[in-house]
C-alpha atoms as a PDB file:
ATOM      1  CA  MET A   1      22.243   9.173  52.811  1.00  0.00           C
ATOM      2  CA  PHE A   2      21.719  12.639  54.691  1.00  0.00           C
ATOM      3  CA  VAL A   3      18.813  14.882  53.726  1.00  0.00           C
ATOM      4  CA  GLY A   4      17.375  12.588  52.041  1.00  0.00           C
ATOM      5  CA  HIS A   5      15.818  10.555  54.463  1.00  0.00           C
ATOM      6  CA  TYR A   6      14.110  13.465  55.563  1.00  0.00           C
ATOM      7  CA  GLY A   7      11.963  13.156  52.089  1.00  0.00           C
ATOM      8  CA  ALA A   8      10.355  10.263  53.487  1.00  0.00           C
ATOM      9  CA  ALA A   9       9.181  11.910  56.275  1.00  0.00           C
ATOM     10  CA  PHE A  10       7.663  14.747  54.847  1.00  0.00           C
ATOM     11  CA  ALA A  11       6.262  12.194  52.290  1.00  0.00           C
ATOM     12  CA  ILE A  12       4.914  10.108  55.286  1.00  0.00           C
ATOM     13  CA  LYS A  13       3.106  13.090  57.064  1.00  0.00           C
ATOM     14  CA  ARG A  14       1.003  13.879  53.689  1.00  0.00           C
ATOM     15  CA  VAL A  15      -0.039  10.500  54.359  1.00  0.00           C
ATOM     16  CA  ASP A  16      -1.002  10.299  57.858  1.00  0.00           C
ATOM     17  CA  PRO A  17      -1.205  13.854  59.369  1.00  0.00           C
ATOM     18  CA  SER A  18      -2.046  12.772  63.432  1.00  0.00           C
ATOM     19  CA  ILE A  19       2.165  11.834  63.114  1.00  0.00           C
ATOM     20  CA  PRO A  20       4.677  15.029  64.534  1.00  0.00           C
ATOM     21  CA  LEU A  21       6.523  15.554  62.268  1.00  0.00           C
ATOM     22  CA  TRP A  22       9.703  16.123  64.468  1.00  0.00           C
ATOM     23  CA  VAL A  23       8.917  11.908  65.324  1.00  0.00           C
ATOM     24  CA  LEU A  24       9.251  11.183  61.832  1.00  0.00           C
ATOM     25  CA  PHE A  25      11.986  13.143  61.464  1.00  0.00           C
ATOM     26  CA  LEU A  26      13.824  10.892  64.246  1.00  0.00           C
ATOM     27  CA  ALA A  27      12.329   7.809  63.067  1.00  0.00           C
ATOM     28  CA  VAL A  28      13.861   8.132  59.326  1.00  0.00           C
ATOM     29  CA  GLN A  29      16.852   8.875  61.066  1.00  0.00           C
ATOM     30  CA  LEU A  30      16.325   6.506  64.245  1.00  0.00           C
ATOM     31  CA  LEU A  31      19.190   4.337  63.340  1.00  0.00           C
ATOM     32  CA  ASP A  32      21.825   6.571  62.853  1.00  0.00           C
ATOM     33  CA  VAL A  33      20.741   8.103  66.176  1.00  0.00           C
ATOM     34  CA  PHE A  34      21.326   5.274  68.046  1.00  0.00           C
ATOM     35  CA  TRP A  35      24.560   4.553  65.950  1.00  0.00           C
ATOM     36  CA  ALA A  36      26.071   7.802  66.980  1.00  0.00           C
ATOM     37  CA  PRO A  37      26.349   6.823  70.954  1.00  0.00           C
ATOM     38  CA  PHE A  38      27.072   3.001  69.611  1.00  0.00           C
ATOM     39  CA  ILE A  39      30.022   5.049  67.622  1.00  0.00           C
ATOM     40  CA  LEU A  40      30.962   6.741  70.693  1.00  0.00           C
ATOM     41  CA  LEU A  41      30.619   3.944  73.249  1.00  0.00           C
ATOM     42  CA  GLY A  42      33.273   1.082  71.327  1.00  0.00           C
ATOM     43  CA  ILE A  43      30.061  -0.685  70.625  1.00  0.00           C
ATOM     44  CA  GLU A  44      29.895  -0.190  66.421  1.00  0.00           C
ATOM     45  CA  LYS A  45      32.729   0.191  64.725  1.00  0.00           C
ATOM     46  CA  VAL A  46      33.727   3.790  61.912  1.00  0.00           C
ATOM     47  CA  ARG A  47      37.178   4.677  60.490  1.00  0.00           C
ATOM     48  CA  ILE A  48      37.587   8.545  58.458  1.00  0.00           C
ATOM     49  CA  VAL A  49      39.198   7.294  54.872  1.00  0.00           C
ATOM     50  CA  PRO A  50      38.984  10.196  52.432  1.00  0.00           C
ATOM     51  CA  GLY A  51      38.814   8.501  49.175  1.00  0.00           C
ATOM     52  CA  ILE A  52      36.763   5.427  49.968  1.00  0.00           C
ATOM     53  CA  THR A  53      33.932   6.618  48.304  1.00  0.00           C
ATOM     54  CA  ALA A  54      33.734  10.420  46.543  1.00  0.00           C
ATOM     55  CA  SER A  55      31.328  11.494  48.529  1.00  0.00           C
ATOM     56  CA  ASN A  56      31.986  10.602  52.184  1.00  0.00           C
ATOM     57  CA  PRO A  57      34.736   9.418  54.075  1.00  0.00           C
ATOM     58  CA  LEU A  58      33.725   7.074  56.142  1.00  0.00           C
ATOM     59  CA  ASP A  59      34.633   2.826  56.317  1.00  0.00           C
ATOM     60  CA  LEU A  60      30.855   2.168  58.002  1.00  0.00           C
ATOM     61  CA  TYR A  61      33.140  -1.335  58.488  1.00  0.00           C
ATOM     62  CA  TYR A  62      31.001  -2.742  61.857  1.00  0.00           C
ATOM     63  CA  MET A  63      27.427  -1.518  62.088  1.00  0.00           C
ATOM     64  CA  PRO A  64      25.521  -5.415  62.743  1.00  0.00           C
ATOM     65  CA  TYR A  65      23.123  -3.363  65.469  1.00  0.00           C
ATOM     66  CA  THR A  66      21.548  -0.580  63.831  1.00  0.00           C
ATOM     67  CA  HIS A  67      22.321  -1.065  59.604  1.00  0.00           C
ATOM     68  CA  SER A  68      21.899  -4.418  59.063  1.00  0.00           C
ATOM     69  CA  LEU A  69      18.542  -5.662  57.557  1.00  0.00           C
ATOM     70  CA  LEU A  70      17.730  -7.750  60.781  1.00  0.00           C
ATOM     71  CA  ALA A  71      18.361  -5.078  63.044  1.00  0.00           C
ATOM     72  CA  THR A  72      16.360  -1.997  61.215  1.00  0.00           C
ATOM     73  CA  VAL A  73      13.221  -4.357  61.084  1.00  0.00           C
ATOM     74  CA  LEU A  74      13.065  -5.550  64.527  1.00  0.00           C
ATOM     75  CA  TRP A  75      13.803  -1.102  64.817  1.00  0.00           C
ATOM     76  CA  SER A  76      11.230  -0.667  63.578  1.00  0.00           C
ATOM     77  CA  ALA A  77       9.096  -3.461  65.229  1.00  0.00           C
ATOM     78  CA  GLY A  78      10.566  -1.742  68.336  1.00  0.00           C
ATOM     79  CA  GLY A  79       9.511   2.136  67.741  1.00  0.00           C
ATOM     80  CA  ALA A  80       6.556   0.696  66.320  1.00  0.00           C
ATOM     81  CA  PHE A  81       4.795  -1.099  69.381  1.00  0.00           C
ATOM     82  CA  VAL A  82       6.734   2.079  71.886  1.00  0.00           C
ATOM     83  CA  TYR A  83       4.879   4.784  69.466  1.00  0.00           C
ATOM     84  CA  GLY A  84       1.703   2.925  69.666  1.00  0.00           C
ATOM     85  CA  LEU A  85       1.890   2.701  73.520  1.00  0.00           C
ATOM     86  CA  VAL A  86       2.507   6.350  73.577  1.00  0.00           C
ATOM     87  CA  THR A  87       0.061   7.307  71.546  1.00  0.00           C
ATOM     88  CA  ARG A  88      -2.829   4.881  72.631  1.00  0.00           C
ATOM     89  CA  THR A  89      -5.331   6.733  70.071  1.00  0.00           C
ATOM     90  CA  PRO A  90      -8.272   4.663  68.470  1.00  0.00           C
ATOM     91  CA  LEU A  91      -5.510   4.996  65.529  1.00  0.00           C
ATOM     92  CA  ALA A  92      -2.936   3.615  67.001  1.00  0.00           C
ATOM     93  CA  ARG A  93      -2.110   0.980  64.678  1.00  0.00           C
ATOM     94  CA  GLN A  94      -2.251   2.456  61.975  1.00  0.00           C
ATOM     95  CA  THR A  95      -0.433   5.123  63.372  1.00  0.00           C
ATOM     96  CA  ALA A  96       2.247   2.603  64.377  1.00  0.00           C
ATOM     97  CA  LEU A  97       2.684   1.238  61.136  1.00  0.00           C
ATOM     98  CA  TRP A  98       3.649   4.494  59.468  1.00  0.00           C
ATOM     99  CA  VAL A  99       6.211   4.963  62.010  1.00  0.00           C
ATOM    100  CA  ALA A 100       7.905   1.764  61.480  1.00  0.00           C
ATOM    101  CA  VAL A 101       8.088   2.414  57.470  1.00  0.00           C
ATOM    102  CA  ALA A 102       9.901   5.631  58.764  1.00  0.00           C
ATOM    103  CA  ILE A 103      11.867   3.472  60.424  1.00  0.00           C
ATOM    104  CA  LEU A 104      12.594   1.469  57.712  1.00  0.00           C
ATOM    105  CA  SER A 105      13.166   3.612  54.491  1.00  0.00           C
ATOM    106  CA  HIS A 106      16.242   4.149  56.899  1.00  0.00           C
ATOM    107  CA  TRP A 107      17.338   1.223  55.501  1.00  0.00           C
ATOM    108  CA  VAL A 108      16.134   0.915  52.178  1.00  0.00           C
ATOM    109  CA  PHE A 109      17.675   4.390  51.174  1.00  0.00           C
ATOM    110  CA  ASP A 110      21.409   4.095  52.165  1.00  0.00           C
ATOM    111  CA  LEU A 111      21.177   0.906  50.427  1.00  0.00           C
ATOM    112  CA  VAL A 112      21.004   2.760  46.895  1.00  0.00           C
ATOM    113  CA  VAL A 113      24.070   5.050  47.759  1.00  0.00           C
ATOM    114  CA  HIS A 114      26.627   3.074  50.662  1.00  0.00           C
ATOM    115  CA  ARG A 115      29.344   0.802  49.373  1.00  0.00           C
ATOM    116  CA  PRO A 116      28.361  -2.482  50.391  1.00  0.00           C
ATOM    117  CA  ASP A 117      28.717  -1.566  53.969  1.00  0.00           C
ATOM    118  CA  LEU A 118      25.401  -2.344  55.096  1.00  0.00           C
ATOM    119  CA  PRO A 119      24.831  -6.338  56.371  1.00  0.00           C
ATOM    120  CA  LEU A 120      21.375  -8.342  56.161  1.00  0.00           C
ATOM    121  CA  TYR A 121      22.236 -10.141  59.684  1.00  0.00           C
ATOM    122  CA  ASP A 122      25.221  -9.695  61.901  1.00  0.00           C
ATOM    123  CA  ASP A 123      28.231  -8.481  60.117  1.00  0.00           C
ATOM    124  CA  THR A 124      27.943 -10.851  56.686  1.00  0.00           C
ATOM    125  CA  ALA A 125      26.013 -10.474  53.538  1.00  0.00           C
ATOM    126  CA  LYS A 126      26.713  -6.808  52.646  1.00  0.00           C
ATOM    127  CA  LEU A 127      25.353  -4.790  50.420  1.00  0.00           C
ATOM    128  CA  GLY A 128      25.194  -1.271  48.467  1.00  0.00           C
ATOM    129  CA  LEU A 129      24.559  -0.208  45.524  1.00  0.00           C
ATOM    130  CA  GLY A 130      27.784   3.079  45.706  1.00  0.00           C
ATOM    131  CA  LEU A 131      26.471   5.829  44.697  1.00  0.00           C
ATOM    132  CA  TRP A 132      28.406   7.905  46.924  1.00  0.00           C
ATOM    133  CA  ASN A 133      30.738   7.259  44.084  1.00  0.00           C
ATOM    134  CA  LEU A 134      29.419   9.649  41.891  1.00  0.00           C
ATOM    135  CA  PRO A 135      29.037  12.470  43.841  1.00  0.00           C
ATOM    136  CA  GLY A 136      27.058  14.511  41.258  1.00  0.00           C
ATOM    137  CA  PRO A 137      23.834  11.936  41.246  1.00  0.00           C
ATOM    138  CA  ALA A 138      24.239  11.590  44.755  1.00  0.00           C
ATOM    139  CA  PHE A 139      23.942  14.392  45.902  1.00  0.00           C
ATOM    140  CA  ALA A 140      20.866  15.003  43.408  1.00  0.00           C
ATOM    141  CA  LEU A 141      19.037  12.651  45.110  1.00  0.00           C
ATOM    142  CA  GLU A 142      19.550  13.770  48.683  1.00  0.00           C
ATOM    143  CA  GLY A 143      17.771  16.742  46.513  1.00  0.00           C
ATOM    144  CA  ALA A 144      15.307  15.405  44.670  1.00  0.00           C
ATOM    145  CA  LEU A 145      14.292  12.571  47.783  1.00  0.00           C
ATOM    146  CA  LEU A 146      13.862  16.079  50.252  1.00  0.00           C
ATOM    147  CA  PHE A 147      12.101  18.321  48.785  1.00  0.00           C
ATOM    148  CA  GLY A 148       9.544  15.552  47.077  1.00  0.00           C
ATOM    149  CA  GLY A 149       8.622  14.695  50.196  1.00  0.00           C
ATOM    150  CA  MET A 150       8.206  18.022  50.930  1.00  0.00           C
ATOM    151  CA  TRP A 151       6.784  19.551  48.257  1.00  0.00           C
ATOM    152  CA  LEU A 152       3.901  16.516  49.300  1.00  0.00           C
ATOM    153  CA  TYR A 153       3.590  17.807  53.127  1.00  0.00           C
ATOM    154  CA  LEU A 154       3.814  21.549  51.307  1.00  0.00           C
ATOM    155  CA  SER A 155       0.325  20.468  49.379  1.00  0.00           C
ATOM    156  CA  THR A 156      -2.204  19.707  51.712  1.00  0.00           C
ATOM    157  CA  ALA A 157      -0.476  20.718  55.089  1.00  0.00           C
ATOM    158  CA  PRO A 158      -1.880  24.567  56.328  1.00  0.00           C
ATOM    159  CA  VAL A 159       2.020  25.667  57.035  1.00  0.00           C
ATOM    160  CA  ARG A 160       3.848  28.680  56.364  1.00  0.00           C
ATOM    161  CA  ARG A 161       5.630  27.755  53.620  1.00  0.00           C
ATOM    162  CA  VAL A 162       8.468  29.575  52.288  1.00  0.00           C
ATOM    163  CA  PRO A 163       9.945  29.138  56.110  1.00  0.00           C
ATOM    164  CA  VAL A 164       9.736  25.147  55.380  1.00  0.00           C
ATOM    165  CA  ALA A 165      11.192  25.487  51.767  1.00  0.00           C
ATOM    166  CA  LEU A 166      14.216  28.203  53.343  1.00  0.00           C
ATOM    167  CA  PHE A 167      14.567  25.159  56.201  1.00  0.00           C
ATOM    168  CA  GLY A 168      15.192  22.960  53.625  1.00  0.00           C
ATOM    169  CA  LEU A 169      17.732  24.609  51.580  1.00  0.00           C
ATOM    170  CA  VAL A 170      19.745  25.062  54.483  1.00  0.00           C
ATOM    171  CA  MET A 171      19.267  21.098  54.820  1.00  0.00           C
ATOM    172  CA  LEU A 172      20.946  20.840  51.322  1.00  0.00           C
ATOM    173  CA  ALA A 173      23.609  23.126  51.766  1.00  0.00           C
ATOM    174  CA  ILE A 174      24.554  21.083  55.398  1.00  0.00           C
ATOM    175  CA  GLN A 175      24.547  18.426  52.406  1.00  0.00           C
ATOM    176  CA  ALA A 176      26.615  19.818  50.349  1.00  0.00           C
ATOM    177  CA  TYR A 177      28.582  20.172  52.866  1.00  0.00           C
ATOM    178  CA  VAL A 178      29.492  17.064  54.061  1.00  0.00           C
ATOM    179  CA  PHE A 179      30.017  15.388  50.639  1.00  0.00           C
ATOM    180  CA  PHE A 180      32.412  18.083  49.589  1.00  0.00           C
ATOM    181  CA  GLY A 181      33.423  19.876  52.394  1.00  0.00           C
ATOM    182  CA  PRO A 182      36.731  18.401  55.181  1.00  0.00           C
ATOM    183  CA  PRO A 183      36.492  15.316  56.322  1.00  0.00           C
ATOM    184  CA  PRO A 184      35.070  15.163  59.865  1.00  0.00           C
ATOM    185  CA  VAL A 185      38.405  14.725  62.602  1.00  0.00           C
ATOM    186  CA  SER A 186      37.462  11.495  63.792  1.00  0.00           C
ATOM    187  CA  ASP A 187      35.302   8.760  64.177  1.00  0.00           C
ATOM    188  CA  ARG A 188      33.951  10.133  67.734  1.00  0.00           C
ATOM    189  CA  ALA A 189      33.417  13.429  65.522  1.00  0.00           C
ATOM    190  CA  ALA A 190      31.412  12.589  63.030  1.00  0.00           C
ATOM    191  CA  ALA A 191      28.599  10.439  65.676  1.00  0.00           C
ATOM    192  CA  LEU A 192      28.719  13.853  67.830  1.00  0.00           C
ATOM    193  CA  THR A 193      28.154  15.842  64.719  1.00  0.00           C
ATOM    194  CA  ALA A 194      25.103  13.643  63.368  1.00  0.00           C
ATOM    195  CA  LEU A 195      23.225  13.264  66.640  1.00  0.00           C
ATOM    196  CA  ALA A 196      24.010  17.021  67.431  1.00  0.00           C
ATOM    197  CA  ALA A 197      21.761  17.193  63.289  1.00  0.00           C
ATOM    198  CA  TYR A 198      19.459  14.796  63.893  1.00  0.00           C
ATOM    199  CA  ALA A 199      18.408  16.699  66.856  1.00  0.00           C
ATOM    200  CA  VAL A 200      18.196  19.846  65.517  1.00  0.00           C
ATOM    201  CA  PHE A 201      16.343  19.287  63.092  1.00  0.00           C
ATOM    202  CA  ALA A 202      13.519  17.835  65.000  1.00  0.00           C
ATOM    203  CA  VAL A 203      13.532  20.456  66.886  1.00  0.00           C
ATOM    204  CA  VAL A 204      13.291  23.177  64.030  1.00  0.00           C
ATOM    205  CA  VAL A 205      10.470  21.411  62.861  1.00  0.00           C
ATOM    206  CA  ALA A 206       8.653  21.234  65.205  1.00  0.00           C
ATOM    207  CA  ARG A 207       8.455  24.769  65.821  1.00  0.00           C
ATOM    208  CA  LEU A 208       7.842  25.171  62.062  1.00  0.00           C
ATOM    209  CA  ALA A 209       5.068  23.212  62.805  1.00  0.00           C
ATOM    210  CA  ARG A 210       3.892  25.026  66.232  1.00  0.00           C
ATOM    211  CA  ARG A 211       4.234  28.217  64.601  1.00  0.00           C
ATOM    212  CA  ALA A 212       1.900  26.627  61.541  1.00  0.00           C
ATOM    213  CA  ARG A 213      -0.693  25.537  64.487  1.00  0.00           C
END
């Protein structure tokens, strides 16, 4: 899953408006934010296998440090601890808990679309419901999660709705290219492109929120 993860960021922002939206954007993608440099460093492994699923050509055959359930729980706890340490507000524990939920949501959403490549721990007991093999429903789910979370956010947030909605459409167009466009030329290209997208999305949403204030 790609842009669907951001639906959780928007929804959690509705629940706890004190958390900056760019923080939530990074939190829901934190596993992939670390996956990319781990791929570049050779710590985790991926190969390009067109046709391995109908929507995604990535064979994610070794990623125990970022995408196992055990690792996800540890990343969630670590992210919550760091956020609570940095914010030091009266409600730091509560907001840190929502950051942990945002990080954990990544694995839960991935479980629906991935083939069985998500380990419970280490590199064993791999799970995945395989919705990527149904491109239409998988794409519809991405859009529903993204715009469902965005709708929850926009229904109460004091922001200019049109720019945020247009940003969502751009994100969905990028998702369409990921699903239906050519595969990445290499594992390094896939990692670098993903990392750049996460950074750009976080910067754009931070600017949108800042302009609203």
